[in-house]
N, C-alpha and C. Protein backbone atom coordinates (compact mmCIF):
# COMPACT_ATOMS: atom_id res chain seq x y z
N UNK A 1 100.06 -152.92 -93.91
CA UNK A 1 98.83 -152.45 -93.28
C UNK A 1 98.44 -153.43 -92.17
N UNK A 2 98.24 -152.90 -90.96
CA UNK A 2 97.93 -153.81 -89.85
C UNK A 2 96.57 -154.48 -90.04
N UNK A 3 96.50 -155.72 -89.58
CA UNK A 3 95.23 -156.45 -89.68
C UNK A 3 94.24 -155.94 -88.65
N UNK A 4 92.96 -155.89 -88.99
CA UNK A 4 91.95 -155.47 -88.00
C UNK A 4 91.86 -156.51 -86.90
N UNK A 5 91.55 -156.07 -85.68
CA UNK A 5 91.45 -157.01 -84.56
C UNK A 5 90.34 -158.03 -84.81
N UNK A 6 90.60 -159.25 -84.34
CA UNK A 6 89.58 -160.28 -84.47
C UNK A 6 88.43 -160.00 -83.52
N UNK A 7 87.24 -160.23 -83.99
CA UNK A 7 86.05 -160.03 -83.17
C UNK A 7 85.51 -161.40 -82.78
N UNK A 8 85.46 -161.65 -81.49
CA UNK A 8 84.94 -162.92 -81.01
C UNK A 8 83.44 -162.80 -80.81
N UNK A 9 82.72 -163.65 -81.50
CA UNK A 9 81.27 -163.62 -81.38
C UNK A 9 80.82 -164.51 -80.22
N UNK A 10 79.97 -164.00 -79.43
CA UNK A 10 79.43 -164.78 -78.33
C UNK A 10 77.97 -165.06 -78.59
N UNK A 11 77.49 -166.15 -78.02
CA UNK A 11 76.09 -166.48 -78.20
C UNK A 11 75.18 -165.51 -77.47
N UNK A 12 73.92 -165.61 -77.79
CA UNK A 12 72.94 -164.75 -77.13
C UNK A 12 72.93 -165.08 -75.63
N UNK A 13 72.95 -164.04 -74.78
CA UNK A 13 72.92 -164.31 -73.33
C UNK A 13 71.69 -165.14 -72.96
N UNK A 14 71.89 -166.08 -72.06
CA UNK A 14 70.79 -166.93 -71.64
C UNK A 14 69.83 -166.13 -70.76
N UNK A 15 68.55 -166.37 -70.96
CA UNK A 15 67.50 -165.65 -70.25
C UNK A 15 67.29 -166.30 -68.88
N UNK A 16 67.59 -165.59 -67.78
CA UNK A 16 67.42 -166.18 -66.45
C UNK A 16 65.97 -166.53 -66.14
N UNK A 17 65.03 -165.79 -66.74
CA UNK A 17 63.62 -166.10 -66.51
C UNK A 17 63.26 -167.45 -67.11
N UNK A 18 63.81 -167.75 -68.29
CA UNK A 18 63.54 -169.04 -68.92
C UNK A 18 64.20 -170.17 -68.13
N UNK A 19 65.39 -169.91 -67.62
CA UNK A 19 66.06 -170.92 -66.80
C UNK A 19 65.22 -171.23 -65.56
N UNK A 20 64.70 -170.18 -64.93
CA UNK A 20 63.87 -170.38 -63.74
C UNK A 20 62.61 -171.15 -64.09
N UNK A 21 62.01 -170.84 -65.24
CA UNK A 21 60.80 -171.54 -65.67
C UNK A 21 61.09 -173.02 -65.93
N UNK A 22 62.24 -173.30 -66.52
CA UNK A 22 62.64 -174.69 -66.78
C UNK A 22 62.82 -175.45 -65.47
N UNK A 23 63.49 -174.83 -64.51
CA UNK A 23 63.72 -175.48 -63.22
C UNK A 23 62.41 -175.69 -62.46
N UNK A 24 61.51 -174.72 -62.53
CA UNK A 24 60.20 -174.88 -61.88
C UNK A 24 59.43 -176.04 -62.50
N UNK A 25 59.45 -176.10 -63.83
CA UNK A 25 58.75 -177.17 -64.53
C UNK A 25 59.35 -178.53 -64.20
N UNK A 26 60.67 -178.60 -64.19
CA UNK A 26 61.33 -179.86 -63.89
C UNK A 26 61.06 -180.31 -62.46
N UNK A 27 61.08 -179.38 -61.53
CA UNK A 27 60.79 -179.71 -60.13
C UNK A 27 59.40 -180.29 -60.00
N UNK A 28 58.44 -179.67 -60.67
CA UNK A 28 57.06 -180.15 -60.62
C UNK A 28 56.93 -181.54 -61.22
N UNK A 29 57.58 -181.77 -62.36
CA UNK A 29 57.49 -183.08 -63.03
C UNK A 29 58.21 -184.18 -62.25
N UNK A 30 59.41 -183.87 -61.77
CA UNK A 30 60.16 -184.88 -61.03
C UNK A 30 59.47 -185.25 -59.72
N UNK A 31 58.61 -184.37 -59.21
CA UNK A 31 57.96 -184.64 -57.93
C UNK A 31 56.77 -185.57 -58.07
N UNK A 32 56.26 -185.76 -59.29
CA UNK A 32 55.07 -186.61 -59.47
C UNK A 32 55.31 -187.78 -60.41
N UNK A 33 56.44 -187.78 -61.13
CA UNK A 33 56.74 -188.87 -62.06
C UNK A 33 58.09 -189.47 -61.72
N UNK A 34 58.27 -190.73 -62.07
CA UNK A 34 59.58 -191.34 -61.91
C UNK A 34 60.58 -190.61 -62.80
N UNK A 35 61.80 -190.56 -62.32
CA UNK A 35 62.86 -189.86 -63.05
C UNK A 35 62.96 -190.34 -64.49
N UNK A 36 62.91 -191.65 -64.67
CA UNK A 36 63.10 -192.22 -66.01
C UNK A 36 61.99 -191.85 -66.99
N UNK A 37 60.82 -191.51 -66.48
CA UNK A 37 59.69 -191.22 -67.39
C UNK A 37 59.62 -189.75 -67.78
N UNK A 38 60.36 -188.89 -67.10
CA UNK A 38 60.36 -187.47 -67.44
C UNK A 38 61.33 -187.26 -68.60
N UNK A 39 60.87 -186.60 -69.64
CA UNK A 39 61.73 -186.30 -70.80
C UNK A 39 62.01 -184.81 -70.87
N UNK A 40 63.03 -184.47 -71.59
CA UNK A 40 63.35 -183.05 -71.79
C UNK A 40 62.24 -182.37 -72.57
N UNK A 41 61.55 -183.13 -73.43
CA UNK A 41 60.40 -182.58 -74.16
C UNK A 41 59.28 -182.21 -73.19
N UNK A 42 59.05 -183.08 -72.18
CA UNK A 42 58.03 -182.79 -71.17
C UNK A 42 58.36 -181.49 -70.43
N UNK A 43 59.62 -181.36 -70.07
CA UNK A 43 60.05 -180.16 -69.33
C UNK A 43 59.86 -178.92 -70.18
N UNK A 44 60.25 -179.02 -71.46
CA UNK A 44 60.12 -177.87 -72.36
C UNK A 44 58.66 -177.46 -72.51
N UNK A 45 57.78 -178.45 -72.68
CA UNK A 45 56.36 -178.14 -72.86
C UNK A 45 55.78 -177.48 -71.62
N UNK A 46 56.13 -178.00 -70.45
CA UNK A 46 55.57 -177.44 -69.22
C UNK A 46 56.12 -176.04 -68.95
N UNK A 47 57.39 -175.83 -69.33
CA UNK A 47 58.01 -174.52 -69.11
C UNK A 47 57.62 -173.49 -70.16
N UNK A 48 57.02 -173.97 -71.27
CA UNK A 48 56.64 -173.05 -72.34
C UNK A 48 57.81 -172.57 -73.16
N UNK A 49 58.83 -173.43 -73.29
CA UNK A 49 60.00 -173.08 -74.10
C UNK A 49 60.28 -174.23 -75.06
N UNK A 50 61.23 -174.03 -75.95
CA UNK A 50 61.59 -175.09 -76.89
C UNK A 50 62.57 -176.06 -76.24
N UNK A 51 62.66 -177.26 -76.81
CA UNK A 51 63.62 -178.23 -76.31
C UNK A 51 65.04 -177.70 -76.48
N UNK A 52 65.28 -176.97 -77.57
CA UNK A 52 66.60 -176.39 -77.80
C UNK A 52 66.97 -175.44 -76.65
N UNK A 53 65.98 -174.68 -76.18
CA UNK A 53 66.24 -173.76 -75.06
C UNK A 53 66.61 -174.53 -73.80
N UNK A 54 65.91 -175.63 -73.56
CA UNK A 54 66.23 -176.45 -72.38
C UNK A 54 67.67 -176.93 -72.46
N UNK A 55 68.06 -177.44 -73.63
CA UNK A 55 69.42 -177.96 -73.79
C UNK A 55 70.47 -176.86 -73.78
N UNK A 56 70.07 -175.64 -74.10
CA UNK A 56 71.04 -174.54 -74.04
C UNK A 56 71.40 -174.20 -72.60
N UNK A 57 70.52 -174.55 -71.67
CA UNK A 57 70.78 -174.29 -70.25
C UNK A 57 71.33 -175.52 -69.53
N UNK A 58 70.90 -176.70 -69.95
CA UNK A 58 71.29 -177.94 -69.26
C UNK A 58 71.68 -178.98 -70.30
N UNK A 59 72.87 -179.55 -70.15
CA UNK A 59 73.41 -180.44 -71.18
C UNK A 59 72.63 -181.74 -71.32
N UNK A 60 72.05 -182.23 -70.21
CA UNK A 60 71.27 -183.47 -70.26
C UNK A 60 70.34 -183.52 -69.06
N UNK A 61 69.56 -184.58 -68.97
CA UNK A 61 68.57 -184.68 -67.89
C UNK A 61 69.23 -184.80 -66.52
N UNK A 62 70.35 -185.49 -66.45
CA UNK A 62 71.05 -185.60 -65.18
C UNK A 62 71.48 -184.22 -64.67
N UNK A 63 72.01 -183.40 -65.58
CA UNK A 63 72.45 -182.06 -65.19
C UNK A 63 71.25 -181.23 -64.75
N UNK A 64 70.13 -181.37 -65.44
CA UNK A 64 68.91 -180.65 -65.06
C UNK A 64 68.46 -181.09 -63.67
N UNK A 65 68.44 -182.40 -63.44
CA UNK A 65 68.01 -182.91 -62.15
C UNK A 65 68.92 -182.42 -61.03
N UNK A 66 70.22 -182.44 -61.27
CA UNK A 66 71.15 -181.98 -60.24
C UNK A 66 70.91 -180.52 -59.90
N UNK A 67 70.58 -179.71 -60.91
CA UNK A 67 70.29 -178.31 -60.66
C UNK A 67 68.98 -178.14 -59.89
N UNK A 68 68.00 -179.01 -60.15
CA UNK A 68 66.75 -178.99 -59.39
C UNK A 68 67.04 -179.26 -57.91
N UNK A 69 67.83 -180.31 -57.65
CA UNK A 69 68.16 -180.67 -56.27
C UNK A 69 68.99 -179.58 -55.62
N UNK A 70 69.95 -179.02 -56.36
CA UNK A 70 70.77 -177.94 -55.81
C UNK A 70 69.91 -176.73 -55.47
N UNK A 71 68.89 -176.48 -56.30
CA UNK A 71 67.99 -175.36 -56.02
C UNK A 71 67.22 -175.56 -54.74
N UNK A 72 66.74 -176.78 -54.52
CA UNK A 72 66.04 -177.09 -53.27
C UNK A 72 67.00 -176.93 -52.09
N UNK A 73 68.21 -177.46 -52.25
CA UNK A 73 69.21 -177.35 -51.20
C UNK A 73 69.54 -175.89 -50.91
N UNK A 74 69.64 -175.09 -51.97
CA UNK A 74 69.91 -173.66 -51.78
C UNK A 74 68.80 -172.99 -50.98
N UNK A 75 67.55 -173.38 -51.25
CA UNK A 75 66.44 -172.83 -50.47
C UNK A 75 66.59 -173.16 -48.99
N UNK A 76 66.95 -174.42 -48.71
CA UNK A 76 67.12 -174.82 -47.32
C UNK A 76 68.28 -174.05 -46.68
N UNK A 77 69.40 -173.97 -47.41
CA UNK A 77 70.57 -173.29 -46.86
C UNK A 77 70.31 -171.81 -46.64
N UNK A 78 69.58 -171.18 -47.57
CA UNK A 78 69.23 -169.77 -47.38
C UNK A 78 68.32 -169.60 -46.19
N UNK A 79 67.40 -170.55 -46.03
CA UNK A 79 66.51 -170.51 -44.88
C UNK A 79 67.27 -170.66 -43.58
N UNK A 80 68.23 -171.59 -43.57
CA UNK A 80 69.03 -171.80 -42.37
C UNK A 80 69.84 -170.54 -42.04
N UNK A 81 70.44 -169.96 -43.08
CA UNK A 81 71.25 -168.76 -42.86
C UNK A 81 70.40 -167.59 -42.38
N UNK A 82 69.21 -167.45 -42.99
CA UNK A 82 68.34 -166.34 -42.61
C UNK A 82 67.75 -166.50 -41.22
N UNK A 83 67.51 -167.75 -40.82
CA UNK A 83 66.89 -167.99 -39.51
C UNK A 83 67.91 -168.04 -38.40
N UNK A 84 69.16 -168.36 -38.75
CA UNK A 84 70.17 -168.61 -37.72
C UNK A 84 70.64 -167.30 -37.09
N UNK A 85 70.85 -167.36 -35.80
CA UNK A 85 71.40 -166.22 -35.06
C UNK A 85 72.14 -166.78 -33.85
N UNK A 86 73.46 -166.66 -33.88
CA UNK A 86 74.24 -167.28 -32.81
C UNK A 86 74.16 -166.52 -31.49
N UNK A 87 73.41 -165.42 -31.48
CA UNK A 87 73.22 -164.68 -30.24
C UNK A 87 72.05 -165.23 -29.43
N UNK A 88 71.23 -166.07 -30.06
CA UNK A 88 70.06 -166.63 -29.38
C UNK A 88 70.46 -167.82 -28.52
N UNK A 89 69.66 -168.12 -27.48
CA UNK A 89 69.87 -169.39 -26.76
C UNK A 89 69.75 -170.55 -27.73
N UNK A 90 70.47 -171.62 -27.47
CA UNK A 90 70.55 -172.73 -28.41
C UNK A 90 69.17 -173.30 -28.76
N UNK A 91 68.31 -173.48 -27.78
CA UNK A 91 66.99 -174.06 -28.05
C UNK A 91 66.21 -173.19 -29.03
N UNK A 92 66.23 -171.88 -28.82
CA UNK A 92 65.51 -170.97 -29.70
C UNK A 92 66.17 -170.94 -31.08
N UNK A 93 67.49 -170.98 -31.11
CA UNK A 93 68.22 -170.97 -32.37
C UNK A 93 67.85 -172.19 -33.21
N UNK A 94 67.87 -173.36 -32.60
CA UNK A 94 67.54 -174.59 -33.34
C UNK A 94 66.08 -174.61 -33.77
N UNK A 95 65.20 -174.08 -32.94
CA UNK A 95 63.78 -174.05 -33.30
C UNK A 95 63.56 -173.19 -34.54
N UNK A 96 64.23 -172.04 -34.59
CA UNK A 96 64.09 -171.17 -35.75
C UNK A 96 64.63 -171.83 -37.01
N UNK A 97 65.76 -172.52 -36.87
CA UNK A 97 66.31 -173.25 -38.01
C UNK A 97 65.35 -174.34 -38.44
N UNK A 98 64.72 -175.01 -37.47
CA UNK A 98 63.76 -176.06 -37.79
C UNK A 98 62.58 -175.55 -38.59
N UNK A 99 62.10 -174.36 -38.25
CA UNK A 99 60.99 -173.76 -39.00
C UNK A 99 61.41 -173.54 -40.45
N UNK A 100 62.61 -172.98 -40.64
CA UNK A 100 63.10 -172.73 -42.01
C UNK A 100 63.27 -174.04 -42.78
N UNK A 101 63.80 -175.04 -42.12
CA UNK A 101 64.00 -176.35 -42.75
C UNK A 101 62.67 -176.97 -43.16
N UNK A 102 61.73 -177.01 -42.25
CA UNK A 102 60.44 -177.65 -42.53
C UNK A 102 59.67 -176.91 -43.62
N UNK A 103 59.76 -175.60 -43.63
CA UNK A 103 59.03 -174.82 -44.62
C UNK A 103 59.38 -175.26 -46.04
N UNK A 104 60.64 -175.65 -46.26
CA UNK A 104 61.06 -176.11 -47.58
C UNK A 104 60.72 -177.58 -47.79
N UNK A 105 61.09 -178.45 -46.84
CA UNK A 105 61.01 -179.89 -47.11
C UNK A 105 59.58 -180.43 -47.13
N UNK A 106 58.61 -179.70 -46.56
CA UNK A 106 57.24 -180.20 -46.64
C UNK A 106 56.46 -179.56 -47.79
N UNK A 107 57.13 -178.72 -48.58
CA UNK A 107 56.51 -178.26 -49.82
C UNK A 107 56.16 -179.47 -50.66
N UNK A 108 54.98 -179.49 -51.27
CA UNK A 108 54.48 -180.68 -51.96
C UNK A 108 55.43 -181.13 -53.06
N UNK A 109 56.03 -180.20 -53.80
CA UNK A 109 56.96 -180.58 -54.86
C UNK A 109 58.25 -181.17 -54.30
N UNK A 110 58.77 -180.55 -53.25
CA UNK A 110 60.01 -181.04 -52.65
C UNK A 110 59.78 -182.41 -52.01
N UNK A 111 58.70 -182.53 -51.24
CA UNK A 111 58.41 -183.81 -50.58
C UNK A 111 58.19 -184.91 -51.61
N UNK A 112 57.49 -184.60 -52.70
CA UNK A 112 57.26 -185.59 -53.75
C UNK A 112 58.54 -186.00 -54.43
N UNK A 113 59.41 -185.04 -54.67
CA UNK A 113 60.70 -185.32 -55.30
C UNK A 113 61.52 -186.29 -54.46
N UNK A 114 61.62 -186.01 -53.17
CA UNK A 114 62.41 -186.85 -52.28
C UNK A 114 61.79 -188.24 -52.14
N UNK A 115 60.46 -188.29 -52.09
CA UNK A 115 59.79 -189.57 -51.88
C UNK A 115 59.90 -190.50 -53.10
N UNK A 116 59.82 -189.92 -54.30
CA UNK A 116 59.82 -190.75 -55.51
C UNK A 116 61.20 -191.14 -55.99
N UNK A 117 62.21 -190.36 -55.63
CA UNK A 117 63.53 -190.57 -56.20
C UNK A 117 64.12 -191.97 -55.97
N UNK A 118 64.12 -192.50 -54.75
CA UNK A 118 64.78 -193.81 -54.54
C UNK A 118 64.26 -194.91 -55.46
N UNK A 119 62.93 -195.00 -55.58
CA UNK A 119 62.37 -196.05 -56.44
C UNK A 119 62.64 -195.74 -57.92
N UNK A 120 62.59 -194.47 -58.27
CA UNK A 120 62.76 -194.10 -59.68
C UNK A 120 64.19 -194.31 -60.16
N UNK A 121 65.15 -194.18 -59.26
CA UNK A 121 66.55 -194.24 -59.69
C UNK A 121 67.27 -195.45 -59.13
N UNK A 122 66.52 -196.48 -58.73
CA UNK A 122 67.13 -197.69 -58.20
C UNK A 122 68.11 -198.26 -59.22
N UNK A 123 69.33 -198.53 -58.75
CA UNK A 123 70.36 -199.05 -59.64
C UNK A 123 71.22 -197.96 -60.25
N UNK A 124 70.78 -196.71 -60.17
CA UNK A 124 71.57 -195.60 -60.71
C UNK A 124 72.31 -194.93 -59.56
N UNK A 125 73.41 -195.53 -59.16
CA UNK A 125 74.15 -195.04 -58.00
C UNK A 125 74.67 -193.62 -58.22
N UNK A 126 75.08 -193.31 -59.44
CA UNK A 126 75.61 -191.98 -59.72
C UNK A 126 74.55 -190.91 -59.49
N UNK A 127 73.32 -191.19 -59.91
CA UNK A 127 72.25 -190.22 -59.73
C UNK A 127 71.94 -190.01 -58.24
N UNK A 128 71.87 -191.12 -57.50
CA UNK A 128 71.60 -191.03 -56.07
C UNK A 128 72.71 -190.24 -55.37
N UNK A 129 73.96 -190.50 -55.76
CA UNK A 129 75.08 -189.79 -55.16
C UNK A 129 75.01 -188.30 -55.44
N UNK A 130 74.65 -187.93 -56.68
CA UNK A 130 74.52 -186.52 -57.04
C UNK A 130 73.41 -185.86 -56.23
N UNK A 131 72.30 -186.58 -56.08
CA UNK A 131 71.19 -186.06 -55.29
C UNK A 131 71.62 -185.85 -53.84
N UNK A 132 72.26 -186.86 -53.25
CA UNK A 132 72.64 -186.77 -51.84
C UNK A 132 73.64 -185.65 -51.60
N UNK A 133 74.63 -185.54 -52.46
CA UNK A 133 75.66 -184.51 -52.27
C UNK A 133 75.10 -183.10 -52.46
N UNK A 134 74.16 -182.96 -53.39
CA UNK A 134 73.61 -181.63 -53.68
C UNK A 134 72.57 -181.20 -52.64
N UNK A 135 71.95 -182.17 -51.97
CA UNK A 135 70.87 -181.83 -51.04
C UNK A 135 71.13 -182.21 -49.60
N UNK A 136 70.79 -183.44 -49.21
CA UNK A 136 70.88 -183.82 -47.80
C UNK A 136 72.26 -183.63 -47.17
N UNK A 137 73.33 -183.92 -47.91
CA UNK A 137 74.67 -183.81 -47.33
C UNK A 137 75.00 -182.37 -46.94
N UNK A 138 74.58 -181.41 -47.77
CA UNK A 138 74.86 -180.00 -47.47
C UNK A 138 74.11 -179.56 -46.22
N UNK A 139 72.85 -179.95 -46.13
CA UNK A 139 72.04 -179.57 -44.98
C UNK A 139 72.58 -180.18 -43.70
N UNK A 140 72.91 -181.47 -43.77
CA UNK A 140 73.44 -182.16 -42.59
C UNK A 140 74.74 -181.53 -42.14
N UNK A 141 75.61 -181.18 -43.08
CA UNK A 141 76.90 -180.59 -42.74
C UNK A 141 76.73 -179.24 -42.05
N UNK A 142 75.81 -178.42 -42.56
CA UNK A 142 75.58 -177.10 -41.95
C UNK A 142 75.04 -177.23 -40.53
N UNK A 143 74.09 -178.14 -40.35
CA UNK A 143 73.49 -178.31 -39.03
C UNK A 143 74.48 -178.96 -38.06
N UNK A 144 75.27 -179.91 -38.55
CA UNK A 144 76.22 -180.57 -37.66
C UNK A 144 77.30 -179.60 -37.19
N UNK A 145 77.61 -178.60 -38.00
CA UNK A 145 78.59 -177.59 -37.59
C UNK A 145 78.06 -176.77 -36.42
N UNK A 146 76.77 -176.42 -36.48
CA UNK A 146 76.15 -175.68 -35.37
C UNK A 146 76.14 -176.54 -34.10
N UNK A 147 75.78 -177.80 -34.25
CA UNK A 147 75.72 -178.72 -33.11
C UNK A 147 77.12 -178.95 -32.53
N UNK A 148 78.12 -179.09 -33.40
CA UNK A 148 79.48 -179.29 -32.94
C UNK A 148 79.96 -178.10 -32.12
N UNK A 149 79.62 -176.89 -32.57
CA UNK A 149 80.01 -175.68 -31.83
C UNK A 149 79.34 -175.64 -30.46
N UNK A 150 78.07 -176.06 -30.42
CA UNK A 150 77.36 -176.10 -29.14
C UNK A 150 77.98 -177.11 -28.20
N UNK A 151 78.42 -178.25 -28.75
CA UNK A 151 79.09 -179.26 -27.92
C UNK A 151 80.42 -178.73 -27.40
N UNK A 152 81.13 -177.96 -28.22
CA UNK A 152 82.40 -177.38 -27.78
C UNK A 152 82.20 -176.39 -26.65
N UNK A 153 81.03 -175.76 -26.61
CA UNK A 153 80.70 -174.83 -25.52
C UNK A 153 80.10 -175.56 -24.32
N UNK A 154 80.05 -176.88 -24.39
CA UNK A 154 79.53 -177.74 -23.32
C UNK A 154 78.01 -177.60 -23.14
N UNK A 155 77.33 -177.10 -24.18
CA UNK A 155 75.87 -177.01 -24.11
C UNK A 155 75.21 -178.34 -24.44
N UNK A 156 75.89 -179.16 -25.24
CA UNK A 156 75.37 -180.47 -25.64
C UNK A 156 76.40 -181.54 -25.33
N UNK A 157 75.92 -182.74 -25.08
CA UNK A 157 76.78 -183.90 -24.93
C UNK A 157 76.45 -184.86 -26.07
N UNK A 158 77.36 -184.97 -27.02
CA UNK A 158 77.11 -185.79 -28.21
C UNK A 158 78.34 -186.63 -28.52
N UNK A 159 78.13 -187.73 -29.24
CA UNK A 159 79.26 -188.54 -29.68
C UNK A 159 79.56 -188.31 -31.16
N UNK A 160 78.59 -187.77 -31.90
CA UNK A 160 78.80 -187.52 -33.33
C UNK A 160 77.92 -186.35 -33.76
N UNK A 161 78.51 -185.23 -34.17
CA UNK A 161 77.69 -184.10 -34.65
C UNK A 161 76.82 -184.47 -35.84
N UNK A 162 77.34 -185.30 -36.73
CA UNK A 162 76.57 -185.68 -37.92
C UNK A 162 75.35 -186.50 -37.53
N UNK A 163 75.53 -187.49 -36.67
CA UNK A 163 74.40 -188.32 -36.25
C UNK A 163 73.40 -187.49 -35.45
N UNK A 164 73.89 -186.58 -34.65
CA UNK A 164 72.98 -185.72 -33.87
C UNK A 164 72.17 -184.82 -34.81
N UNK A 165 72.81 -184.32 -35.87
CA UNK A 165 72.10 -183.49 -36.84
C UNK A 165 71.02 -184.30 -37.54
N UNK A 166 71.34 -185.54 -37.88
CA UNK A 166 70.35 -186.41 -38.52
C UNK A 166 69.20 -186.71 -37.56
N UNK A 167 69.51 -186.91 -36.29
CA UNK A 167 68.46 -187.12 -35.29
C UNK A 167 67.52 -185.91 -35.25
N UNK A 168 68.10 -184.74 -35.22
CA UNK A 168 67.29 -183.53 -35.10
C UNK A 168 66.39 -183.34 -36.32
N UNK A 169 66.94 -183.54 -37.51
CA UNK A 169 66.11 -183.39 -38.72
C UNK A 169 64.98 -184.41 -38.75
N UNK A 170 65.27 -185.63 -38.27
CA UNK A 170 64.22 -186.66 -38.22
C UNK A 170 63.13 -186.27 -37.23
N UNK A 171 63.51 -185.67 -36.12
CA UNK A 171 62.53 -185.23 -35.13
C UNK A 171 61.66 -184.11 -35.69
N UNK A 172 62.25 -183.23 -36.47
CA UNK A 172 61.47 -182.16 -37.10
C UNK A 172 60.48 -182.72 -38.12
N UNK A 173 60.98 -183.60 -38.97
CA UNK A 173 60.16 -184.10 -40.08
C UNK A 173 59.15 -185.16 -39.64
N UNK A 174 59.62 -186.17 -38.92
CA UNK A 174 58.77 -187.32 -38.63
C UNK A 174 58.28 -187.93 -39.94
N UNK A 175 57.01 -188.30 -39.99
CA UNK A 175 56.44 -188.84 -41.21
C UNK A 175 55.62 -187.83 -41.98
N UNK A 176 55.77 -186.54 -41.64
CA UNK A 176 54.92 -185.52 -42.26
C UNK A 176 55.10 -185.42 -43.77
N UNK A 177 56.33 -185.36 -44.31
CA UNK A 177 56.45 -185.25 -45.77
C UNK A 177 55.74 -186.37 -46.51
N UNK A 178 55.85 -187.60 -46.01
CA UNK A 178 55.19 -188.73 -46.68
C UNK A 178 53.68 -188.59 -46.63
N UNK A 179 53.15 -188.16 -45.49
CA UNK A 179 51.68 -188.00 -45.38
C UNK A 179 51.17 -186.91 -46.31
N UNK A 180 51.99 -185.88 -46.51
CA UNK A 180 51.60 -184.81 -47.44
C UNK A 180 51.60 -185.34 -48.87
N UNK A 181 52.64 -186.09 -49.24
CA UNK A 181 52.72 -186.66 -50.59
C UNK A 181 51.54 -187.59 -50.87
N UNK A 182 51.15 -188.40 -49.87
CA UNK A 182 50.04 -189.35 -50.05
C UNK A 182 48.69 -188.67 -49.96
N UNK A 183 48.66 -187.39 -49.65
CA UNK A 183 47.39 -186.67 -49.56
C UNK A 183 46.60 -186.98 -48.31
N UNK A 184 47.30 -187.48 -47.28
CA UNK A 184 46.60 -187.85 -46.04
C UNK A 184 46.37 -186.65 -45.13
N UNK A 185 47.17 -185.61 -45.32
CA UNK A 185 47.01 -184.39 -44.52
C UNK A 185 47.13 -183.18 -45.44
N UNK A 186 46.56 -182.09 -44.99
CA UNK A 186 46.70 -180.84 -45.73
C UNK A 186 48.07 -180.23 -45.42
N UNK A 187 48.61 -179.40 -46.34
CA UNK A 187 49.87 -178.72 -46.04
C UNK A 187 49.78 -177.95 -44.73
N UNK A 188 50.85 -177.96 -43.97
CA UNK A 188 50.86 -177.35 -42.64
C UNK A 188 50.81 -175.83 -42.73
N UNK A 189 50.16 -175.23 -41.75
CA UNK A 189 50.15 -173.78 -41.63
C UNK A 189 51.46 -173.33 -40.97
N UNK A 190 51.80 -172.05 -41.08
CA UNK A 190 53.02 -171.56 -40.41
C UNK A 190 53.00 -171.85 -38.90
N UNK A 191 51.83 -171.76 -38.29
CA UNK A 191 51.73 -172.03 -36.85
C UNK A 191 52.02 -173.50 -36.56
N UNK A 192 51.52 -174.40 -37.41
CA UNK A 192 51.76 -175.83 -37.21
C UNK A 192 53.23 -176.17 -37.44
N UNK A 193 53.84 -175.51 -38.42
CA UNK A 193 55.26 -175.73 -38.68
C UNK A 193 56.10 -175.31 -37.48
N UNK A 194 55.78 -174.16 -36.92
CA UNK A 194 56.53 -173.69 -35.75
C UNK A 194 56.35 -174.63 -34.56
N UNK A 195 55.12 -175.09 -34.36
CA UNK A 195 54.86 -176.01 -33.25
C UNK A 195 55.66 -177.30 -33.43
N UNK A 196 55.70 -177.80 -34.65
CA UNK A 196 56.43 -179.05 -34.92
C UNK A 196 57.92 -178.86 -34.72
N UNK A 197 58.45 -177.74 -35.18
CA UNK A 197 59.87 -177.47 -35.03
C UNK A 197 60.25 -177.36 -33.56
N UNK A 198 59.42 -176.69 -32.79
CA UNK A 198 59.71 -176.52 -31.36
C UNK A 198 59.63 -177.86 -30.63
N UNK A 199 58.64 -178.68 -30.97
CA UNK A 199 58.51 -179.98 -30.31
C UNK A 199 59.73 -180.86 -30.62
N UNK A 200 60.14 -180.90 -31.89
CA UNK A 200 61.31 -181.70 -32.26
C UNK A 200 62.56 -181.22 -31.55
N UNK A 201 62.71 -179.90 -31.46
CA UNK A 201 63.87 -179.34 -30.78
C UNK A 201 63.84 -179.66 -29.29
N UNK A 202 62.66 -179.60 -28.68
CA UNK A 202 62.54 -179.93 -27.25
C UNK A 202 62.96 -181.37 -26.98
N UNK A 203 62.51 -182.30 -27.83
CA UNK A 203 62.89 -183.71 -27.66
C UNK A 203 64.41 -183.86 -27.83
N UNK A 204 64.96 -183.19 -28.83
CA UNK A 204 66.40 -183.23 -29.07
C UNK A 204 67.17 -182.73 -27.86
N UNK A 205 66.72 -181.62 -27.29
CA UNK A 205 67.42 -181.04 -26.15
C UNK A 205 67.31 -181.95 -24.92
N UNK A 206 66.20 -182.61 -24.75
CA UNK A 206 66.08 -183.53 -23.62
C UNK A 206 67.06 -184.69 -23.76
N UNK A 207 67.35 -185.05 -25.00
CA UNK A 207 68.27 -186.17 -25.24
C UNK A 207 69.73 -185.75 -25.15
N UNK A 208 70.07 -184.54 -25.60
CA UNK A 208 71.47 -184.18 -25.75
C UNK A 208 71.94 -183.00 -24.89
N UNK A 209 71.05 -182.25 -24.28
CA UNK A 209 71.48 -181.07 -23.52
C UNK A 209 72.32 -181.49 -22.31
N UNK A 210 73.34 -180.70 -22.04
CA UNK A 210 74.18 -180.93 -20.87
C UNK A 210 73.41 -180.50 -19.63
N UNK A 211 73.08 -181.42 -18.73
CA UNK A 211 72.27 -181.06 -17.56
C UNK A 211 72.97 -180.09 -16.62
N UNK A 212 74.27 -179.92 -16.77
CA UNK A 212 75.02 -179.03 -15.88
C UNK A 212 75.09 -177.60 -16.39
N UNK A 213 74.53 -177.38 -17.59
CA UNK A 213 74.56 -176.02 -18.16
C UNK A 213 73.23 -175.32 -17.93
């Protein structure tokens, strides 16, 4: 008599809503507390789930933090993709990307997360590396690719696409994220964000635009 087929039991499917709640809670906590002081119990309580549920989605705090940073990076990348249009003149194209970039990075939770991380994780090189690779490195790479293409079309004169991308992001941001974190200014309106993005782009173009184009 043939044996009945083996039935493989799988665990209960993970609830994406709970995962999102955990990530939202972790983002909020990491933005106002040092990394070392945030516990998985804190995250579970703020998310309204059990600690077991948190661990079912994320193996440890480092993995949770990396997913938080990746989520922020994904927001920036989606914004860049949604705002980008290679049919536009370069100045307008970069300005639109700047608006999308600033909209994410000056969010109070994102700005707080970036501001507190270096002091909170001093000495933890692995954590800093995970943060950098999941966030800033992805954004810089995407923007430097656009700048490199513009240089290939002779629209820009640059010596390093990566350094030029970093220059442009610094011109967009300035000290605004820090002032928001310290409560020195109110969050920017969409009109103020657009004005800031355009001003940063204008300064960038004055520095790098090919005068013969």
